């Protein structure tokens, strides 16, 4: 009889300790079990053009792009990869957001460069005169600041509508060039400089519209610094490949885009 109060006290202590331990473990267990349903949308800078090898579709999707690399490193629950080379904002809305649902928890996207005439501007500067390049860049900058914001807003709204529970991460584009000496056949320093300035304008517009949509903007420019075309160790392809020209190579996706994404996902 004298030992019953002690036994009851011991039992109560065990129960309290068990409950406390359960409370400590529960959040970690819940976090570990949380599903990550990831969908990677966007254009060639998401599909992986420049990295190769590609799937059998016309979208030139590469498993060396940042999206599949991130999915593999984070053991996601599900991964969908509708990003497609050449996509503009309307392509995302009409052909890609169908991959989203209320169970999607993470969406990444690069978009807007093709709307602003990325390929035509680069071609004008690479093969045209200085004045032709300047006019093309100025037209692209004007489009980026006047027309593109509305297109981005519509795109982000379509994503939100289809995936209301997802975190949206918008990745930007890198500056393509280093502006030091680059050989006789390279674009002039002036052309490379104004193209980089256009990239800065595009980044400002995209980051602003992403913020307005409640999305996270991942700026890739700092990660590519020192690795543009004309660098000793470039992560951007020059005109060596027609389709792949002025896109990141495999190192660009792994060491440029992937760290930029990791920086905002933790």
Protein backbone atom coordinates (compact mmCIF):
# COMPACT_ATOMS: atom_id res chain seq x y z
CA UNK A 1 0.00 0.00 0.00
CA UNK A 2 2.65 2.58 0.85
CA UNK A 3 4.17 2.13 -2.63
CA UNK A 4 0.97 2.91 -4.61
CA UNK A 5 1.34 6.72 -4.56
CA UNK A 6 4.91 6.34 -5.81
CA UNK A 7 3.79 3.94 -8.55
CA UNK A 8 1.03 6.29 -9.63
CA UNK A 9 3.47 9.22 -9.71
CA UNK A 10 5.93 7.21 -11.81
CA UNK A 11 3.21 6.22 -14.25
CA UNK A 12 2.11 9.83 -14.58
CA UNK A 13 5.70 10.91 -15.24
CA UNK A 14 6.08 8.27 -17.98
CA UNK A 15 2.83 9.39 -19.61
CA UNK A 16 3.86 13.05 -19.47
CA UNK A 17 7.29 12.28 -20.94
CA UNK A 18 5.74 10.21 -23.75
CA UNK A 19 3.34 13.01 -24.61
CA UNK A 20 6.12 15.59 -24.60
CA UNK A 21 8.30 13.41 -26.82
CA UNK A 22 5.39 12.91 -29.21
CA UNK A 23 4.84 16.65 -29.38
CA UNK A 24 8.50 17.20 -30.21
CA UNK A 25 8.57 14.52 -32.89
CA UNK A 26 5.21 15.29 -34.52
CA UNK A 27 6.20 18.46 -36.42
CA UNK A 28 9.29 16.78 -37.87
CA UNK A 29 7.32 13.72 -38.87
CA UNK A 30 4.63 15.82 -40.50
CA UNK A 31 7.24 17.86 -42.34
CA UNK A 32 9.03 14.77 -43.59
CA UNK A 33 5.77 13.36 -44.89
CA UNK A 34 4.68 16.54 -46.69
CA UNK A 35 4.17 15.89 -50.40
CA UNK A 36 6.07 17.99 -52.93
CA UNK A 37 4.17 17.93 -56.21
CA UNK A 38 6.36 19.94 -58.56
CA UNK A 39 5.49 21.23 -62.03
CA UNK A 40 8.12 23.00 -64.16
CA UNK A 41 6.62 25.38 -66.72
CA UNK A 42 8.21 27.76 -69.16
CA UNK A 43 10.34 28.21 -72.25
CA UNK A 44 13.70 26.90 -73.47
CA UNK A 45 15.51 28.19 -70.39
CA UNK A 46 13.39 25.78 -68.35
CA UNK A 47 13.18 22.90 -70.84
CA UNK A 48 16.97 22.78 -70.93
CA UNK A 49 17.86 23.87 -74.44
CA UNK A 50 21.63 23.99 -74.60
CA UNK A 51 22.20 21.17 -72.11
CA UNK A 52 21.21 18.10 -74.16
CA UNK A 53 20.53 15.28 -74.71
CA UNK A 54 16.85 15.89 -75.43
CA UNK A 55 13.66 13.90 -75.28
CA UNK A 56 11.84 12.89 -78.43
CA UNK A 57 9.42 15.81 -78.34
CA UNK A 58 9.79 19.06 -80.24
CA UNK A 59 10.19 20.89 -76.91
CA UNK A 60 13.86 19.91 -76.47
CA UNK A 61 13.52 18.89 -72.83
CA UNK A 62 16.72 17.82 -71.11
CA UNK A 63 17.16 15.99 -67.83
CA UNK A 64 20.17 18.25 -67.30
CA UNK A 65 17.96 21.31 -66.93
CA UNK A 66 17.56 22.83 -63.47
CA UNK A 67 14.04 21.50 -62.93
CA UNK A 68 14.72 17.74 -63.19
CA UNK A 69 17.98 18.26 -61.30
CA UNK A 70 16.10 19.92 -58.44
CA UNK A 71 13.37 17.27 -58.49
CA UNK A 72 15.95 14.47 -58.26
CA UNK A 73 17.89 16.15 -55.45
CA UNK A 74 14.76 16.75 -53.39
CA UNK A 75 13.03 13.40 -53.90
CA UNK A 76 9.75 15.03 -54.84
CA UNK A 77 6.49 13.12 -54.64
CA UNK A 78 5.62 13.90 -58.25
CA UNK A 79 7.28 15.85 -61.05
CA UNK A 80 5.73 17.14 -64.28
CA UNK A 81 7.83 18.85 -66.94
CA UNK A 82 5.71 20.56 -69.62
CA UNK A 83 8.23 23.39 -70.22
CA UNK A 84 8.86 23.76 -73.93
CA UNK A 85 11.52 25.43 -76.03
CA UNK A 86 10.16 28.43 -77.91
CA UNK A 87 7.21 28.97 -75.56
CA UNK A 88 5.63 32.38 -75.12
CA UNK A 89 3.17 33.39 -72.43
CA UNK A 90 0.15 32.26 -74.43
CA UNK A 91 1.69 28.80 -74.83
CA UNK A 92 1.98 28.48 -71.06
CA UNK A 93 -1.66 29.47 -70.63
CA UNK A 94 -3.00 27.29 -73.46
CA UNK A 95 -0.70 24.27 -73.36
CA UNK A 96 1.10 24.02 -70.04
CA UNK A 97 -1.08 25.04 -67.09
CA UNK A 98 -3.22 21.95 -67.72
CA UNK A 99 -0.51 20.04 -65.85
CA UNK A 100 -1.38 21.95 -62.68
CA UNK A 101 -4.00 21.05 -60.08
CA UNK A 102 -5.08 21.84 -56.55
CA UNK A 103 -2.56 19.24 -55.33
CA UNK A 104 0.39 21.02 -56.97
CA UNK A 105 2.64 22.46 -54.27
CA UNK A 106 5.51 23.98 -56.29
CA UNK A 107 5.63 25.66 -59.69
CA UNK A 108 8.69 27.13 -61.41
CA UNK A 109 8.75 29.09 -64.63
CA UNK A 110 10.93 31.11 -67.00
CA UNK A 111 8.86 33.07 -69.50
CA UNK A 112 8.79 36.39 -71.31
CA UNK A 113 12.02 36.31 -73.30
CA UNK A 114 10.40 34.96 -76.45
CA UNK A 115 7.49 37.40 -76.14
CA UNK A 116 10.06 40.20 -76.21
CA UNK A 117 11.65 38.75 -79.37
CA UNK A 118 14.76 37.25 -77.80
CA UNK A 119 15.84 35.26 -80.87
CA UNK A 120 15.30 38.09 -83.35
CA UNK A 121 17.17 40.60 -81.23
CA UNK A 122 20.15 38.29 -80.84
CA UNK A 123 20.19 37.58 -84.58
CA UNK A 124 20.01 41.29 -85.40
CA UNK A 125 22.94 42.02 -83.13
CA UNK A 126 25.08 39.03 -84.09
CA UNK A 127 24.80 39.49 -87.83
CA UNK A 128 23.54 43.06 -88.31
CA UNK A 129 25.05 46.49 -88.05
CA UNK A 130 25.40 48.46 -84.85
CA UNK A 131 22.37 50.59 -85.70
CA UNK A 132 20.30 47.51 -86.53
CA UNK A 133 21.24 45.99 -83.19
CA UNK A 134 20.49 49.20 -81.30
CA UNK A 135 17.04 49.51 -82.89
CA UNK A 136 16.20 45.88 -82.15
CA UNK A 137 17.26 46.21 -78.52
CA UNK A 138 15.29 49.44 -78.07
CA UNK A 139 12.16 47.84 -79.54
CA UNK A 140 12.51 44.85 -77.23
CA UNK A 141 12.98 47.09 -74.19
CA UNK A 142 9.91 49.12 -75.14
CA UNK A 143 7.86 45.93 -75.50
CA UNK A 144 9.15 44.63 -72.17
CA UNK A 145 8.04 47.73 -70.31
CA UNK A 146 4.68 48.28 -72.01
CA UNK A 147 3.14 45.06 -73.32
CA UNK A 148 4.93 42.27 -71.48
CA UNK A 149 3.70 43.17 -67.97
CA UNK A 150 0.09 42.44 -68.92
CA UNK A 151 1.05 39.13 -70.50
CA UNK A 152 2.99 38.10 -67.41
CA UNK A 153 0.09 39.07 -65.15
CA UNK A 154 -2.27 36.91 -67.18
CA UNK A 155 0.17 33.99 -67.08
CA UNK A 156 0.71 34.13 -63.33
CA UNK A 157 -3.05 34.48 -62.80
CA UNK A 158 -3.68 31.37 -64.89
CA UNK A 159 -1.15 29.46 -62.79
CA UNK A 160 -2.77 30.65 -59.56
CA UNK A 161 -6.18 29.67 -60.84
CA UNK A 162 -5.11 26.12 -61.62
CA UNK A 163 -2.76 25.67 -58.65
CA UNK A 164 -4.07 27.83 -55.79
CA UNK A 165 -2.09 25.91 -53.16
CA UNK A 166 1.27 26.02 -54.91
CA UNK A 167 4.28 28.20 -54.30
CA UNK A 168 5.18 29.98 -57.54
CA UNK A 169 8.85 30.67 -58.23
CA UNK A 170 9.69 32.81 -61.26
CA UNK A 171 13.28 32.49 -62.45
CA UNK A 172 14.87 35.25 -64.48
CA UNK A 173 17.31 35.20 -67.37
CA UNK A 174 21.07 35.74 -67.09
CA UNK A 175 23.10 38.43 -68.76
CA UNK A 176 24.48 36.62 -71.79
CA UNK A 177 27.82 38.30 -72.25
CA UNK A 178 31.06 39.32 -70.66
CA UNK A 179 32.17 42.66 -72.07
CA UNK A 180 35.94 42.23 -72.14
CA UNK A 181 38.11 41.25 -75.09
CA UNK A 182 36.50 38.50 -77.15
CA UNK A 183 38.36 38.16 -80.44
CA UNK A 184 37.89 39.66 -83.88
CA UNK A 185 34.81 37.65 -84.86
CA UNK A 186 32.82 38.39 -81.71
CA UNK A 187 30.15 41.01 -81.28
CA UNK A 188 31.48 44.42 -80.34
CA UNK A 189 31.70 45.45 -76.72
CA UNK A 190 28.95 47.99 -77.40
CA UNK A 191 26.53 45.36 -78.74
CA UNK A 192 27.24 43.02 -75.84
CA UNK A 193 26.76 45.86 -73.37
CA UNK A 194 23.36 46.96 -74.68
CA UNK A 195 22.18 43.34 -74.83
CA UNK A 196 23.12 42.94 -71.18
CA UNK A 197 21.27 46.16 -70.39
CA UNK A 198 18.20 44.73 -72.11
CA UNK A 199 18.50 41.64 -69.91
CA UNK A 200 18.49 43.93 -66.87
CA UNK A 201 15.31 45.65 -68.08
CA UNK A 202 13.66 42.26 -68.59
CA UNK A 203 14.70 41.17 -65.10
CA UNK A 204 13.23 44.31 -63.57
CA UNK A 205 9.91 43.83 -65.35
CA UNK A 206 9.65 40.11 -64.56
CA UNK A 207 10.61 40.52 -60.90
CA UNK A 208 8.10 43.34 -60.48
CA UNK A 209 5.21 41.38 -61.98
CA UNK A 210 6.19 38.27 -60.00
CA UNK A 211 6.08 40.28 -56.78
CA UNK A 212 2.69 41.72 -57.72
CA UNK A 213 1.42 38.14 -58.18
CA UNK A 214 2.75 37.06 -54.80
CA UNK A 215 5.42 34.90 -56.42
CA UNK A 216 9.09 34.54 -55.53
CA UNK A 217 11.62 35.88 -58.05
CA UNK A 218 14.92 34.01 -58.38
CA UNK A 219 17.51 36.26 -60.02
CA UNK A 220 19.99 34.19 -62.01
CA UNK A 221 22.26 37.06 -63.05
CA UNK A 222 24.60 36.91 -60.03
CA UNK A 223 25.14 33.18 -60.53
CA UNK A 224 26.18 33.57 -64.16
CA UNK A 225 28.47 36.55 -63.51
CA UNK A 226 31.86 35.82 -65.05
CA UNK A 227 30.49 32.91 -67.09
CA UNK A 228 28.79 34.60 -70.03
CA UNK A 229 29.81 34.39 -73.66
CA UNK A 230 33.44 35.55 -73.98
CA UNK A 231 34.37 34.32 -70.49
CA UNK A 232 37.28 31.97 -69.92
CA UNK A 233 34.76 29.43 -68.61
CA UNK A 234 31.46 30.25 -70.35
CA UNK A 235 28.19 28.65 -69.25
CA UNK A 236 26.33 30.24 -72.16
CA UNK A 237 26.66 28.83 -75.68
CA UNK A 238 27.70 31.14 -78.50
CA UNK A 239 26.71 30.50 -82.14
CA UNK A 240 28.27 27.02 -82.17
CA UNK A 241 24.79 25.50 -82.25
CA UNK A 242 21.96 27.16 -84.15
CA UNK A 243 19.12 26.07 -81.88
CA UNK A 244 21.23 26.08 -78.73
CA UNK A 245 22.92 29.43 -79.36
CA UNK A 246 22.77 31.84 -76.42
CA UNK A 247 21.32 29.29 -74.03
CA UNK A 248 23.00 27.85 -70.95
CA UNK A 249 25.02 24.69 -71.36
CA UNK A 250 24.80 21.84 -68.84
CA UNK A 251 27.08 23.73 -66.42
CA UNK A 252 24.86 26.78 -66.73
CA UNK A 253 21.82 24.85 -65.58
CA UNK A 254 23.68 22.97 -62.83
CA UNK A 255 25.83 25.80 -61.48
CA UNK A 256 23.75 28.82 -62.49
CA UNK A 257 20.04 28.06 -62.50
CA UNK A 258 19.99 25.27 -59.90
CA UNK A 259 21.77 27.30 -57.18
CA UNK A 260 19.46 30.25 -57.91
CA UNK A 261 16.49 27.97 -57.32
CA UNK A 262 18.07 26.40 -54.24
CA UNK A 263 18.65 29.87 -52.80
CA UNK A 264 14.91 30.56 -52.65
CA UNK A 265 13.67 27.05 -51.80
CA UNK A 266 16.13 26.51 -48.94
